[in-house]
């Protein structure tokens, strides 16, 4: 969906999703809610990054 806006929005959305996923994983590890070998869903973080790109990018 970010392709309709611009390529910088796509790049920003992917980068924001990766950063949000890393921060979320670190927070869950620090709170001992998950372990090193547990699986985490990555889709919600990518959706949050896309939403952030739309809001910041002036979609």
Protein backbone atom coordinates (compact mmCIF):
# COMPACT_ATOMS: atom_id res chain seq x y z
CA UNK A 1 0.00 0.00 0.00
CA UNK A 2 2.93 2.35 0.57
CA UNK A 3 3.88 2.04 -3.10
CA UNK A 4 1.03 4.42 -3.92
CA UNK A 5 2.72 7.16 -1.92
CA UNK A 6 6.39 7.03 -2.91
CA UNK A 7 9.50 4.88 -2.70
CA UNK A 8 10.85 6.81 0.29
CA UNK A 9 7.63 5.96 2.12
CA UNK A 10 8.18 2.27 1.37
CA UNK A 11 11.75 2.41 2.66
CA UNK A 12 10.73 4.39 5.75
CA UNK A 13 7.84 2.01 6.48
CA UNK A 14 10.08 -1.06 6.27
CA UNK A 15 12.77 0.54 8.39
CA UNK A 16 10.24 1.70 10.98
CA UNK A 17 8.74 -1.80 11.10
CA UNK A 18 12.15 -3.35 11.72
CA UNK A 19 12.97 -0.84 14.45
CA UNK A 20 9.58 -1.31 16.12
CA UNK A 21 10.00 -5.09 15.94
CA UNK A 22 13.43 -4.88 17.55
CA UNK A 23 12.23 -2.60 20.32
CA UNK A 24 9.21 -4.83 20.93
CA UNK A 25 11.33 -7.98 21.02
CA UNK A 26 13.81 -6.35 23.39
CA UNK A 27 10.99 -5.23 25.69
CA UNK A 28 9.50 -8.73 25.77
CA UNK A 29 12.92 -10.26 26.47
CA UNK A 30 13.62 -7.75 29.24
CA UNK A 31 10.25 -8.46 30.83
CA UNK A 32 10.98 -12.20 30.56
CA UNK A 33 7.71 -12.79 28.70
CA UNK A 34 9.56 -14.64 25.93
CA UNK A 35 12.84 -16.52 25.63
CA UNK A 36 15.59 -16.47 23.02
CA UNK A 37 14.12 -19.43 21.14
CA UNK A 38 10.50 -18.25 21.03
CA UNK A 39 8.87 -17.06 17.82
CA UNK A 40 7.44 -13.55 17.55
CA UNK A 41 4.91 -12.32 15.03
CA UNK A 42 6.53 -9.74 12.74
CA UNK A 43 3.40 -8.67 10.82
CA UNK A 44 1.95 -6.33 13.45
CA UNK A 45 5.24 -4.43 13.61
CA UNK A 46 5.31 -4.07 9.82
CA UNK A 47 1.74 -2.78 9.87
CA UNK A 48 2.65 -0.27 12.57
CA UNK A 49 5.64 0.85 10.50
CA UNK A 50 3.42 1.30 7.44
CA UNK A 51 0.93 3.33 9.46
CA UNK A 52 3.74 5.47 10.80
CA UNK A 53 5.03 6.03 7.26
CA UNK A 54 1.58 7.12 6.11
CA UNK A 55 1.15 9.50 9.03
CA UNK A 56 4.66 10.97 8.87
CA UNK A 57 4.96 10.90 5.10
CA UNK A 58 1.82 12.94 4.59
CA UNK A 59 -0.07 10.15 2.81
